[in-house]
N, C-alpha and C. Protein backbone atom coordinates (compact mmCIF):
# COMPACT_ATOMS: atom_id res chain seq x y z
N MET A 1 166.49 90.24 58.93
CA MET A 1 166.45 88.93 59.73
C MET A 1 166.96 89.19 61.32
N GLY A 2 166.74 88.46 62.14
CA GLY A 2 167.11 88.82 63.62
C GLY A 2 168.79 88.56 64.16
N GLU A 3 168.91 88.67 65.28
CA GLU A 3 170.14 88.54 65.84
C GLU A 3 170.68 87.13 65.88
N GLU A 4 172.01 86.80 65.54
CA GLU A 4 172.57 85.58 65.85
C GLU A 4 172.59 85.29 67.24
N THR A 5 172.46 84.02 67.52
CA THR A 5 172.60 83.41 68.86
C THR A 5 173.43 82.17 68.90
N THR A 6 174.37 82.20 69.90
CA THR A 6 175.07 81.37 69.94
C THR A 6 175.38 80.24 70.97
N ILE A 7 175.25 78.96 70.90
CA ILE A 7 175.31 78.19 72.09
C ILE A 7 176.49 77.18 71.99
N MET A 8 176.76 77.01 73.48
CA MET A 8 177.91 76.11 73.70
C MET A 8 177.51 74.97 74.73
N GLY A 9 177.73 73.77 74.50
CA GLY A 9 177.19 72.89 75.33
C GLY A 9 177.61 71.53 75.12
N THR A 10 177.28 70.49 75.78
CA THR A 10 177.29 69.11 75.48
C THR A 10 176.37 68.20 75.18
N VAL A 11 176.44 67.49 74.48
CA VAL A 11 175.19 66.67 73.89
C VAL A 11 174.83 65.44 74.78
N LEU A 12 173.77 65.73 75.51
CA LEU A 12 173.19 64.75 76.23
C LEU A 12 172.68 63.33 75.81
N SER A 13 171.79 63.42 74.73
CA SER A 13 171.45 62.60 74.17
C SER A 13 170.85 63.03 72.52
N VAL A 14 170.86 61.80 71.76
CA VAL A 14 170.47 62.14 70.31
C VAL A 14 169.28 61.41 70.13
N VAL A 15 168.14 62.55 70.15
CA VAL A 15 166.63 62.33 69.89
C VAL A 15 166.42 61.48 68.66
N PHE A 16 167.04 61.98 67.56
CA PHE A 16 166.56 61.92 66.04
C PHE A 16 167.74 62.12 65.54
N GLN A 17 168.29 61.24 64.45
CA GLN A 17 169.21 61.35 63.75
C GLN A 17 169.20 61.19 62.14
N ASN A 18 169.21 61.65 61.04
CA ASN A 18 168.95 61.29 59.71
C ASN A 18 170.41 60.89 59.12
N GLU A 19 170.72 59.85 59.10
CA GLU A 19 172.27 59.36 58.47
C GLU A 19 172.57 59.92 57.10
N GLU A 20 171.30 60.34 56.46
CA GLU A 20 171.50 60.54 54.99
C GLU A 20 171.97 61.88 54.59
N ASN A 21 171.22 62.73 55.67
CA ASN A 21 171.23 64.16 55.13
C ASN A 21 171.89 64.81 56.57
N GLY A 22 172.09 64.17 57.92
CA GLY A 22 172.63 64.93 58.96
C GLY A 22 171.83 65.90 59.93
N TYR A 23 170.47 65.82 59.43
CA TYR A 23 169.45 66.54 60.20
C TYR A 23 169.39 65.83 61.38
N ALA A 24 169.27 66.32 62.58
CA ALA A 24 169.25 65.76 64.06
C ALA A 24 168.47 66.73 64.73
N VAL A 25 167.79 66.02 66.01
CA VAL A 25 167.45 66.66 67.12
C VAL A 25 168.24 66.35 68.29
N LEU A 26 168.92 66.92 68.93
CA LEU A 26 169.45 66.57 70.10
C LEU A 26 169.25 67.37 71.54
N ARG A 27 169.38 66.71 72.76
CA ARG A 27 169.30 67.31 73.95
C ARG A 27 170.50 67.72 74.20
N LEU A 28 170.75 69.17 74.71
CA LEU A 28 172.20 69.73 74.98
C LEU A 28 171.92 70.27 76.17
N VAL A 29 172.89 70.20 77.11
CA VAL A 29 173.20 71.09 78.28
C VAL A 29 174.37 71.88 78.18
N THR A 30 174.03 73.55 78.37
CA THR A 30 174.87 74.50 78.37
C THR A 30 175.83 74.38 79.09
N ASP A 31 177.14 75.18 79.28
CA ASP A 31 178.15 75.24 80.31
C ASP A 31 177.23 75.66 81.61
N ASP A 32 176.04 76.45 81.24
CA ASP A 32 175.45 77.19 82.65
C ASP A 32 174.68 76.07 83.39
N GLY A 33 174.35 75.05 82.57
CA GLY A 33 173.29 73.94 83.23
C GLY A 33 172.04 74.22 82.45
N GLU A 34 171.63 74.90 81.44
CA GLU A 34 170.62 75.14 80.93
C GLU A 34 170.26 73.95 79.77
N LEU A 35 169.03 73.22 79.98
CA LEU A 35 168.79 72.07 79.16
C LEU A 35 168.11 72.63 77.85
N LEU A 36 168.52 72.29 76.88
CA LEU A 36 168.03 72.60 75.24
C LEU A 36 168.06 71.72 74.42
N THR A 37 167.00 71.82 73.30
CA THR A 37 167.07 71.10 72.24
C THR A 37 167.27 71.90 70.96
N LEU A 38 168.53 70.98 70.35
CA LEU A 38 168.81 71.34 69.01
C LEU A 38 168.71 70.89 68.10
N VAL A 39 167.98 72.00 66.99
CA VAL A 39 167.30 71.06 65.78
C VAL A 39 168.32 71.74 64.38
N GLY A 40 168.83 70.61 63.64
CA GLY A 40 169.46 71.09 62.48
C GLY A 40 170.25 70.11 61.97
N CYS A 41 171.07 70.43 61.11
CA CYS A 41 172.30 69.83 60.25
C CYS A 41 173.44 69.38 61.23
N VAL A 42 173.57 68.42 62.12
CA VAL A 42 174.69 68.12 62.96
C VAL A 42 175.14 66.62 62.80
N PRO A 43 175.65 66.34 61.59
CA PRO A 43 176.04 64.92 61.28
C PRO A 43 176.85 64.56 62.16
N CYS A 44 176.86 62.93 62.39
CA CYS A 44 177.40 62.19 63.44
C CYS A 44 177.87 62.69 65.00
N ALA A 45 176.55 63.50 65.48
CA ALA A 45 176.67 64.00 66.79
C ALA A 45 176.53 62.57 67.72
N ALA A 46 177.25 62.73 68.98
CA ALA A 46 177.03 61.54 69.74
C ALA A 46 177.07 62.13 71.28
N PRO A 47 176.57 61.36 72.06
CA PRO A 47 176.10 62.01 73.57
C PRO A 47 177.91 61.88 74.27
N GLY A 48 177.76 63.36 74.88
CA GLY A 48 179.03 63.51 75.44
C GLY A 48 179.99 64.60 74.85
N GLU A 49 179.76 64.77 73.51
CA GLU A 49 180.26 65.64 72.70
C GLU A 49 179.89 67.17 72.90
N ASN A 50 181.11 67.91 72.80
CA ASN A 50 180.83 69.21 72.89
C ASN A 50 180.71 69.99 71.73
N LEU A 51 179.42 70.89 71.63
CA LEU A 51 179.30 71.69 70.64
C LEU A 51 179.10 73.06 70.74
N THR A 52 179.09 73.71 69.41
CA THR A 52 179.05 75.14 69.43
C THR A 52 178.03 75.40 68.32
N ALA A 53 177.08 75.95 68.44
CA ALA A 53 175.63 76.22 67.40
C ALA A 53 175.57 77.51 67.58
N SER A 54 175.10 78.02 66.04
CA SER A 54 174.75 79.50 65.85
C SER A 54 173.59 79.40 65.19
N SER A 55 172.67 80.29 65.49
CA SER A 55 171.08 80.19 64.84
C SER A 55 170.63 81.75 64.56
N PHE A 56 169.78 81.96 63.77
CA PHE A 56 169.18 83.16 63.43
C PHE A 56 167.74 82.89 63.66
N PRO A 57 166.81 83.72 64.17
CA PRO A 57 165.52 83.64 64.70
C PRO A 57 164.92 83.71 63.29
N ARG A 58 163.64 83.27 62.89
CA ARG A 58 163.07 83.08 61.71
C ARG A 58 161.52 83.34 62.08
N ALA A 59 160.81 83.56 61.23
CA ALA A 59 159.45 84.32 61.42
C ALA A 59 158.32 83.16 61.58
N ARG A 60 158.80 82.06 61.16
CA ARG A 60 157.73 80.98 61.42
C ARG A 60 158.50 79.85 62.47
N SER A 61 159.68 79.90 62.87
CA SER A 61 160.06 79.05 63.81
C SER A 61 160.95 79.98 64.85
N SER A 62 161.24 79.24 65.75
CA SER A 62 161.90 80.18 67.14
C SER A 62 163.84 80.22 66.69
N GLY A 63 164.10 79.20 65.75
CA GLY A 63 165.45 79.23 65.28
C GLY A 63 165.89 78.14 64.27
N THR A 64 166.68 78.21 63.53
CA THR A 64 167.46 77.28 62.99
C THR A 64 168.80 77.27 62.88
N CYS A 65 169.28 76.15 63.21
CA CYS A 65 171.00 75.52 63.31
C CYS A 65 171.52 76.27 61.87
N ARG A 66 172.22 77.24 62.19
CA ARG A 66 173.02 77.49 60.79
C ARG A 66 174.53 77.22 60.60
N ARG A 67 175.17 76.93 61.63
CA ARG A 67 176.43 76.59 61.72
C ARG A 67 176.49 75.69 63.43
N THR A 68 177.39 74.61 62.91
CA THR A 68 177.70 73.77 64.26
C THR A 68 179.08 73.55 64.10
N ARG A 69 179.78 73.62 65.20
CA ARG A 69 181.19 73.01 65.18
C ARG A 69 181.65 72.44 66.71
N ARG A 70 182.49 71.55 66.20
CA ARG A 70 182.80 70.55 67.54
C ARG A 70 183.84 71.10 68.26
N ARG A 71 183.61 71.40 69.84
CA ARG A 71 185.01 71.49 70.31
C ARG A 71 185.60 70.76 71.18
N PHE A 72 186.83 70.40 71.26
CA PHE A 72 187.53 69.62 71.79
C PHE A 72 188.42 69.86 72.90
């Protein structure tokens, strides 16, 4: 398995969210101003919320969200 990557930023928008299982597609801006798309289990995410997400690269995709925690 590849190296863990950690991203910290603020949710700009919720593109998709499944309320049954928490799967979401979010647009995130990092503390450095980089725009990213975050995909994974992020229940109850909302625009303006600060998040820290960690992922591991996978063979068939660029990464999957493994852990997400909210920063306040």
